[in-house]
C-alpha atoms as a PDB file:
ATOM      1  CA  MET A   1      59.836  81.276 114.471  1.00  0.00           C
ATOM      2  CA  THR A   2      58.222  83.761 112.074  1.00  0.00           C
ATOM      3  CA  ALA A   3      59.119  86.839 110.130  1.00  0.00           C
ATOM      4  CA  GLU A   4      57.153  88.817 112.661  1.00  0.00           C
ATOM      5  CA  ASN A   5      59.542  87.708 115.437  1.00  0.00           C
ATOM      6  CA  VAL A   6      62.433  89.148 113.359  1.00  0.00           C
ATOM      7  CA  GLN A   7      60.556  92.384 112.664  1.00  0.00           C
ATOM      8  CA  LYS A   8      59.832  92.872 116.438  1.00  0.00           C
ATOM      9  CA  GLU A   9      63.423  92.232 117.313  1.00  0.00           C
ATOM     10  CA  LEU A  10      64.783  94.617 114.718  1.00  0.00           C
ATOM     11  CA  ASN A  11      62.272  97.290 115.855  1.00  0.00           C
ATOM     12  CA  ALA A  12      63.509  96.853 119.459  1.00  0.00           C
ATOM     13  CA  HIS A  13      66.992  97.867 118.188  1.00  0.00           C
ATOM     14  CA  ALA A  14      65.783 100.810 115.992  1.00  0.00           C
ATOM     15  CA  SER A  15      66.847 104.371 116.580  1.00  0.00           C
ATOM     16  CA  ALA A  16      65.213 107.458 115.092  1.00  0.00           C
ATOM     17  CA  GLU A  17      68.603 109.186 115.051  1.00  0.00           C
ATOM     18  CA  ARG A  18      70.277 106.299 113.239  1.00  0.00           C
ATOM     19  CA  LYS A  19      67.349 106.076 110.829  1.00  0.00           C
ATOM     20  CA  LYS A  20      67.985 109.701 109.756  1.00  0.00           C
ATOM     21  CA  ALA A  21      71.651 109.045 109.325  1.00  0.00           C
ATOM     22  CA  LEU A  22      71.078 105.907 107.282  1.00  0.00           C
ATOM     23  CA  GLU A  23      68.541 107.632 104.983  1.00  0.00           C
ATOM     24  CA  TRP A  24      71.191 110.230 104.234  1.00  0.00           C
ATOM     25  CA  PHE A  25      74.097 107.717 103.923  1.00  0.00           C
ATOM     26  CA  PHE A  26      72.212 105.421 101.513  1.00  0.00           C
ATOM     27  CA  LYS A  27      70.935 108.347  99.387  1.00  0.00           C
ATOM     28  CA  THR A  28      67.192 107.840  99.803  1.00  0.00           C
ATOM     29  CA  GLY A  29      66.251 111.355  98.503  1.00  0.00           C
ATOM     30  CA  LYS A  30      64.254 111.864  95.285  1.00  0.00           C
ATOM     31  CA  GLY A  31      66.383 111.186  92.265  1.00  0.00           C
ATOM     32  CA  GLN A  32      69.049 109.441  94.273  1.00  0.00           C
ATOM     33  CA  TYR A  33      70.005 105.767  93.800  1.00  0.00           C
ATOM     34  CA  GLY A  34      68.352 104.688  97.106  1.00  0.00           C
ATOM     35  CA  HIS A  35      65.103 106.647  96.514  1.00  0.00           C
ATOM     36  CA  GLY A  36      62.150 104.922  98.122  1.00  0.00           C
ATOM     37  CA  ASP A  37      64.220 102.601 100.473  1.00  0.00           C
ATOM     38  CA  ILE A  38      62.879 102.627 103.977  1.00  0.00           C
ATOM     39  CA  PHE A  39      65.113 102.432 107.102  1.00  0.00           C
ATOM     40  CA  ILE A  40      64.129 102.012 110.696  1.00  0.00           C
ATOM     41  CA  GLY A  41      67.620 102.729 112.170  1.00  0.00           C
ATOM     42  CA  VAL A  42      69.225  99.412 113.131  1.00  0.00           C
ATOM     43  CA  SER A  43      73.034  99.153 113.410  1.00  0.00           C
ATOM     44  CA  SER A  44      74.943  96.535 111.434  1.00  0.00           C
ATOM     45  CA  PRO A  45      76.101  94.686 114.636  1.00  0.00           C
ATOM     46  CA  ASP A  46      72.537  94.489 115.965  1.00  0.00           C
ATOM     47  CA  MET A  47      71.249  93.326 112.585  1.00  0.00           C
ATOM     48  CA  ARG A  48      73.874  90.572 112.494  1.00  0.00           C
ATOM     49  CA  SER A  49      73.001  89.543 115.992  1.00  0.00           C
ATOM     50  CA  VAL A  50      69.324  89.195 115.044  1.00  0.00           C
ATOM     51  CA  SER A  51      70.217  87.183 111.859  1.00  0.00           C
ATOM     52  CA  ARG A  52      72.205  84.688 113.988  1.00  0.00           C
ATOM     53  CA  LYS A  53      69.346  84.336 116.425  1.00  0.00           C
ATOM     54  CA  PHE A  54      66.826  83.604 113.657  1.00  0.00           C
ATOM     55  CA  ARG A  55      69.007  81.765 111.174  1.00  0.00           C
ATOM     56  CA  ASP A  56      66.695  78.713 111.091  1.00  0.00           C
ATOM     57  CA  HIS A  57      63.762  80.468 109.458  1.00  0.00           C
ATOM     58  CA  THR A  58      61.933  78.629 106.709  1.00  0.00           C
ATOM     59  CA  PHE A  59      62.160  79.918 103.228  1.00  0.00           C
ATOM     60  CA  ALA A  60      58.513  80.973 103.384  1.00  0.00           C
ATOM     61  CA  GLU A  61      59.347  83.232 106.344  1.00  0.00           C
ATOM     62  CA  LEU A  62      62.527  84.485 104.651  1.00  0.00           C
ATOM     63  CA  GLN A  63      60.441  85.395 101.630  1.00  0.00           C
ATOM     64  CA  LYS A  64      58.403  87.775 103.815  1.00  0.00           C
ATOM     65  CA  LEU A  65      61.595  89.452 104.973  1.00  0.00           C
ATOM     66  CA  ILE A  66      63.444  89.711 101.742  1.00  0.00           C
ATOM     67  CA  ALA A  67      60.396  91.212 100.009  1.00  0.00           C
ATOM     68  CA  SER A  68      59.957  93.769 102.766  1.00  0.00           C
ATOM     69  CA  PRO A  69      60.122  97.502 101.941  1.00  0.00           C
ATOM     70  CA  ILE A  70      62.230  97.839 105.151  1.00  0.00           C
ATOM     71  CA  HIS A  71      65.974  97.797 104.346  1.00  0.00           C
ATOM     72  CA  GLU A  72      67.016  96.163 107.591  1.00  0.00           C
ATOM     73  CA  GLU A  73      64.544  93.291 107.101  1.00  0.00           C
ATOM     74  CA  ARG A  74      65.914  92.542 103.621  1.00  0.00           C
ATOM     75  CA  SER A  75      69.469  92.843 105.002  1.00  0.00           C
ATOM     76  CA  CYS A  76      68.634  90.372 107.820  1.00  0.00           C
ATOM     77  CA  ALA A  77      67.220  87.937 105.343  1.00  0.00           C
ATOM     78  CA  LEU A  78      70.375  88.051 103.216  1.00  0.00           C
ATOM     79  CA  ALA A  79      72.577  87.673 106.327  1.00  0.00           C
ATOM     80  CA  ILE A  80      70.629  84.517 107.208  1.00  0.00           C
ATOM     81  CA  LEU A  81      71.040  83.131 103.698  1.00  0.00           C
ATOM     82  CA  VAL A  82      74.792  83.721 103.847  1.00  0.00           C
ATOM     83  CA  LEU A  83      75.078  82.091 107.305  1.00  0.00           C
ATOM     84  CA  ARG A  84      73.258  78.999 106.036  1.00  0.00           C
ATOM     85  CA  PHE A  85      75.174  78.871 102.780  1.00  0.00           C
ATOM     86  CA  GLU A  86      78.453  78.999 104.561  1.00  0.00           C
ATOM     87  CA  LYS A  87      77.338  76.266 106.902  1.00  0.00           C
ATOM     88  CA  GLY A  88      76.596  73.973 103.943  1.00  0.00           C
ATOM     89  CA  GLY A  89      73.605  71.892 103.058  1.00  0.00           C
ATOM     90  CA  GLU A  90      70.605  73.073 101.025  1.00  0.00           C
ATOM     91  CA  LEU A  91      73.050  75.060  98.898  1.00  0.00           C
ATOM     92  CA  LYS A  92      71.036  74.796  95.661  1.00  0.00           C
ATOM     93  CA  ALA A  93      67.849  75.830  97.429  1.00  0.00           C
ATOM     94  CA  ILE A  94      69.560  78.871  98.933  1.00  0.00           C
ATOM     95  CA  LEU A  95      71.094  79.822  95.567  1.00  0.00           C
ATOM     96  CA  ASP A  96      67.770  79.488  93.692  1.00  0.00           C
ATOM     97  CA  PHE A  97      66.059  81.565  96.412  1.00  0.00           C
ATOM     98  CA  TYR A  98      68.716  84.265  96.053  1.00  0.00           C
ATOM     99  CA  LEU A  99      68.532  84.508  92.317  1.00  0.00           C
ATOM    100  CA  ARG A 100      64.757  84.360  92.347  1.00  0.00           C
ATOM    101  CA  ASN A 101      64.667  87.276  94.710  1.00  0.00           C
ATOM    102  CA  ARG A 102      67.510  89.358  93.431  1.00  0.00           C
ATOM    103  CA  GLN A 103      65.185  92.262  92.638  1.00  0.00           C
ATOM    104  CA  TYR A 104      65.141  92.848  96.465  1.00  0.00           C
ATOM    105  CA  VAL A 105      68.962  92.937  96.625  1.00  0.00           C
ATOM    106  CA  ASN A 106      68.685  96.543  95.638  1.00  0.00           C
ATOM    107  CA  ASN A 107      71.262  98.588  97.429  1.00  0.00           C
ATOM    108  CA  TRP A 108      75.019  98.462  97.393  1.00  0.00           C
ATOM    109  CA  ASP A 109      75.372  97.093 100.942  1.00  0.00           C
ATOM    110  CA  LEU A 110      72.863  94.292 100.210  1.00  0.00           C
ATOM    111  CA  VAL A 111      74.820  93.279  97.103  1.00  0.00           C
ATOM    112  CA  ASP A 112      78.211  93.551  98.830  1.00  0.00           C
ATOM    113  CA  CYS A 113      77.269  91.370 101.789  1.00  0.00           C
ATOM    114  CA  SER A 114      75.892  88.546  99.720  1.00  0.00           C
ATOM    115  CA  ALA A 115      76.841  88.364  95.989  1.00  0.00           C
ATOM    116  CA  HIS A 116      80.323  86.793  96.331  1.00  0.00           C
ATOM    117  CA  LYS A 117      79.329  84.676  99.350  1.00  0.00           C
ATOM    118  CA  ILE A 118      76.341  83.061  97.593  1.00  0.00           C
ATOM    119  CA  LEU A 119      76.504  83.527  93.892  1.00  0.00           C
ATOM    120  CA  GLY A 120      80.232  83.799  93.530  1.00  0.00           C
ATOM    121  CA  ARG A 121      80.863  80.702  95.611  1.00  0.00           C
ATOM    122  CA  ALA A 122      78.099  78.726  93.921  1.00  0.00           C
ATOM    123  CA  ILE A 123      79.637  79.398  90.501  1.00  0.00           C
ATOM    124  CA  TYR A 124      83.114  78.448  91.796  1.00  0.00           C
ATOM    125  CA  ASP A 125      81.739  75.186  93.296  1.00  0.00           C
ATOM    126  CA  GLY A 126      79.952  74.314  90.050  1.00  0.00           C
ATOM    127  CA  LEU A 127      76.371  74.819  91.254  1.00  0.00           C
ATOM    128  CA  GLN A 128      75.772  77.568  88.738  1.00  0.00           C
ATOM    129  CA  ASP A 129      77.060  78.358  85.223  1.00  0.00           C
ATOM    130  CA  VAL A 130      79.328  81.434  85.155  1.00  0.00           C
ATOM    131  CA  ALA A 131      77.492  82.756  82.137  1.00  0.00           C
ATOM    132  CA  ILE A 132      74.954  84.306  84.553  1.00  0.00           C
ATOM    133  CA  LEU A 133      77.572  86.848  85.559  1.00  0.00           C
ATOM    134  CA  TYR A 134      77.944  88.054  82.005  1.00  0.00           C
ATOM    135  CA  ARG A 135      74.194  88.330  81.536  1.00  0.00           C
ATOM    136  CA  LEU A 136      73.894  90.333  84.734  1.00  0.00           C
ATOM    137  CA  ALA A 137      76.846  92.582  83.688  1.00  0.00           C
ATOM    138  CA  VAL A 138      74.833  93.918  80.797  1.00  0.00           C
ATOM    139  CA  SER A 139      71.543  94.253  82.648  1.00  0.00           C
ATOM    140  CA  ASP A 140      69.688  97.559  82.638  1.00  0.00           C
ATOM    141  CA  ILE A 141      69.371  97.209  86.407  1.00  0.00           C
ATOM    142  CA  LEU A 142      72.213  98.763  88.374  1.00  0.00           C
ATOM    143  CA  TRP A 143      72.113  96.288  91.184  1.00  0.00           C
ATOM    144  CA  GLU A 144      72.325  93.303  88.817  1.00  0.00           C
ATOM    145  CA  ARG A 145      75.448  94.781  87.235  1.00  0.00           C
ATOM    146  CA  ARG A 146      76.890  95.243  90.707  1.00  0.00           C
ATOM    147  CA  ILE A 147      76.054  91.583  91.669  1.00  0.00           C
ATOM    148  CA  ALA A 148      78.027  90.474  88.616  1.00  0.00           C
ATOM    149  CA  ILE A 149      81.281  92.226  89.433  1.00  0.00           C
ATOM    150  CA  ILE A 150      81.081  91.743  93.230  1.00  0.00           C
ATOM    151  CA  SER A 151      80.444  87.988  92.708  1.00  0.00           C
ATOM    152  CA  SER A 152      83.856  87.726  91.122  1.00  0.00           C
ATOM    153  CA  MET A 153      85.422  88.549  94.480  1.00  0.00           C
ATOM    154  CA  PHE A 154      85.148  84.858  95.451  1.00  0.00           C
ATOM    155  CA  PHE A 155      87.278  84.028  92.472  1.00  0.00           C
ATOM    156  CA  ILE A 156      89.819  86.686  93.420  1.00  0.00           C
ATOM    157  CA  GLN A 157      90.035  85.188  96.918  1.00  0.00           C
ATOM    158  CA  LYS A 158      90.946  81.895  95.221  1.00  0.00           C
ATOM    159  CA  GLY A 159      93.591  83.603  93.040  1.00  0.00           C
ATOM    160  CA  GLN A 160      91.543  83.424  89.863  1.00  0.00           C
ATOM    161  CA  LEU A 161      91.289  86.871  88.213  1.00  0.00           C
ATOM    162  CA  ASP A 162      90.169  86.223  84.697  1.00  0.00           C
ATOM    163  CA  HIS A 163      86.450  86.776  85.377  1.00  0.00           C
ATOM    164  CA  THR A 164      87.103  90.061  87.229  1.00  0.00           C
ATOM    165  CA  PHE A 165      89.095  91.363  84.259  1.00  0.00           C
ATOM    166  CA  ARG A 166      86.486  90.310  81.705  1.00  0.00           C
ATOM    167  CA  LEU A 167      83.610  91.763  83.726  1.00  0.00           C
ATOM    168  CA  ALA A 168      85.503  94.941  84.488  1.00  0.00           C
ATOM    169  CA  GLU A 169      86.160  95.392  80.792  1.00  0.00           C
ATOM    170  CA  LEU A 170      82.420  95.096  80.114  1.00  0.00           C
ATOM    171  CA  LEU A 171      81.632  97.653  82.786  1.00  0.00           C
ATOM    172  CA  LEU A 172      84.224 100.365  82.084  1.00  0.00           C
ATOM    173  CA  ALA A 173      81.651 102.304  80.100  1.00  0.00           C
ATOM    174  CA  ASP A 174      79.024 102.145  82.864  1.00  0.00           C
ATOM    175  CA  ARG A 175      77.665 105.600  83.662  1.00  0.00           C
ATOM    176  CA  GLN A 176      76.878 104.893  87.358  1.00  0.00           C
ATOM    177  CA  ASP A 177      79.463 106.116  89.931  1.00  0.00           C
ATOM    178  CA  LEU A 178      78.464 103.108  92.138  1.00  0.00           C
ATOM    179  CA  MET A 179      79.710 100.794  89.389  1.00  0.00           C
ATOM    180  CA  HIS A 180      82.950 102.756  88.917  1.00  0.00           C
ATOM    181  CA  LYS A 181      83.585 102.257  92.661  1.00  0.00           C
ATOM    182  CA  ALA A 182      82.634  98.574  92.438  1.00  0.00           C
ATOM    183  CA  VAL A 183      84.996  97.899  89.461  1.00  0.00           C
ATOM    184  CA  GLY A 184      87.807  99.813  91.086  1.00  0.00           C
ATOM    185  CA  TRP A 185      87.391  97.947  94.369  1.00  0.00           C
ATOM    186  CA  MET A 186      87.515  94.524  92.605  1.00  0.00           C
ATOM    187  CA  LEU A 187      90.608  95.621  90.618  1.00  0.00           C
ATOM    188  CA  ARG A 188      92.210  96.670  93.912  1.00  0.00           C
ATOM    189  CA  GLU A 189      91.405  93.233  95.454  1.00  0.00           C
ATOM    190  CA  ALA A 190      92.830  91.599  92.397  1.00  0.00           C
ATOM    191  CA  TRP A 191      95.988  93.785  92.579  1.00  0.00           C
ATOM    192  CA  LYS A 192      96.665  92.285  96.019  1.00  0.00           C
ATOM    193  CA  LYS A 193      96.890  88.893  94.349  1.00  0.00           C
ATOM    194  CA  ASP A 194      98.697  89.849  91.116  1.00  0.00           C
ATOM    195  CA  PRO A 195      99.862  93.528  90.848  1.00  0.00           C
ATOM    196  CA  ALA A 196     101.459  93.103  87.427  1.00  0.00           C
ATOM    197  CA  ALA A 197      98.239  91.660  85.881  1.00  0.00           C
ATOM    198  CA  VAL A 198      96.134  94.534  87.178  1.00  0.00           C
ATOM    199  CA  GLU A 199      98.573  97.143  86.135  1.00  0.00           C
ATOM    200  CA  ALA A 200      98.748  95.702  82.655  1.00  0.00           C
ATOM    201  CA  PHE A 201      94.914  95.783  82.557  1.00  0.00           C
ATOM    202  CA  LEU A 202      94.882  99.450  83.635  1.00  0.00           C
ATOM    203  CA  ILE A 203      97.463 100.447  81.128  1.00  0.00           C
ATOM    204  CA  LYS A 204      95.745  98.660  78.283  1.00  0.00           C
ATOM    205  CA  HIS A 205      92.422 100.249  79.078  1.00  0.00           C
ATOM    206  CA  TYR A 206      93.665 103.519  80.593  1.00  0.00           C
ATOM    207  CA  PRO A 207      91.673 105.914  78.277  1.00  0.00           C
ATOM    208  CA  GLN A 208      88.438 104.049  79.131  1.00  0.00           C
ATOM    209  CA  VAL A 209      88.954 103.585  82.915  1.00  0.00           C
ATOM    210  CA  PRO A 210      86.747 106.032  84.896  1.00  0.00           C
ATOM    211  CA  ARG A 211      88.772 108.209  87.257  1.00  0.00           C
ATOM    212  CA  THR A 212      86.894 106.842  90.301  1.00  0.00           C
ATOM    213  CA  ALA A 213      87.620 103.308  89.284  1.00  0.00           C
ATOM    214  CA  LEU A 214      91.256 104.130  88.722  1.00  0.00           C
ATOM    215  CA  ARG A 215      91.631 105.835  92.123  1.00  0.00           C
ATOM    216  CA  TYR A 216      90.055 102.809  93.871  1.00  0.00           C
ATOM    217  CA  ALA A 217      92.115 100.325  91.883  1.00  0.00           C
ATOM    218  CA  ILE A 218      95.551 101.953  92.609  1.00  0.00           C
ATOM    219  CA  GLU A 219      94.837 102.913  96.192  1.00  0.00           C
ATOM    220  CA  LYS A 220      97.352 100.436  97.721  1.00  0.00           C
ATOM    221  CA  MET A 221     100.181 101.222  95.279  1.00  0.00           C
ATOM    222  CA  GLU A 222     103.434 102.834  96.495  1.00  0.00           C
ATOM    223  CA  GLU A 223     102.764 106.581  96.522  1.00  0.00           C
ATOM    224  CA  GLY A 224     105.097 107.566  93.636  1.00  0.00           C
ATOM    225  CA  LYS A 225     103.758 104.773  91.355  1.00  0.00           C
ATOM    226  CA  ARG A 226     100.177 105.689  92.314  1.00  0.00           C
ATOM    227  CA  LEU A 227     100.702 109.310  91.325  1.00  0.00           C
ATOM    228  CA  ASN A 228     102.275 108.237  88.076  1.00  0.00           C
ATOM    229  CA  PHE A 229      99.254 106.085  87.197  1.00  0.00           C
ATOM    230  CA  LEU A 230      96.921 109.063  88.020  1.00  0.00           C
ATOM    231  CA  LYS A 231      98.970 111.109  85.514  1.00  0.00           C
ATOM    232  CA  GLY A 232      99.118 108.338  82.888  1.00  0.00           C
ATOM    233  CA  ARG A 233     102.817 107.851  83.240  1.00  0.00           C
ATOM    234  CA  PHE A 234     103.746 104.185  82.973  1.00  0.00           C
END
């Protein structure tokens, strides 16, 4: 099986109408965060189906896909990596491939479908030092900062919130709205595990928490309490 097989399969599922919708949704216009990204119009279910069909690709063929200018091809490569990482075996090789090619994990959906499932789990399992998250969190590259905070979701799922809090604190001053959303999302996930700890974090850092991050973080609170947090009443 080759990368060309995947490309043909994806093209068979492509839709001109969906292509236009995806270009709008992922902000590919000039000056927007997704500027230059190319879509062909494949739905997420179809992309996942293709990734399952071609999950046994060699790393050489996956390299062609993940380095592609076509968004769906990069997405398919990442889906294959996640499937194989979750299956077990060749974990270090998959992790190294992911980190070596992280410049191609360059839109929010690509980060969100892979970071915690590969890098987060690898750190939790001792395959990678957690220090990498703190290096990525201060990167000049938006997507590396997002990889850092989203990777912490694996720890949240295991009931360990310290890294999420530490990374969130580093990222509170980030100017990108996509990062405000990511930080708020991870705090909301952490709140499901330990509401008191997240509320204490929000109160401590309230003046620095971006409004978007705050709204995301408190979304699941009881309505009266949520409104009080929005108004700074604790």
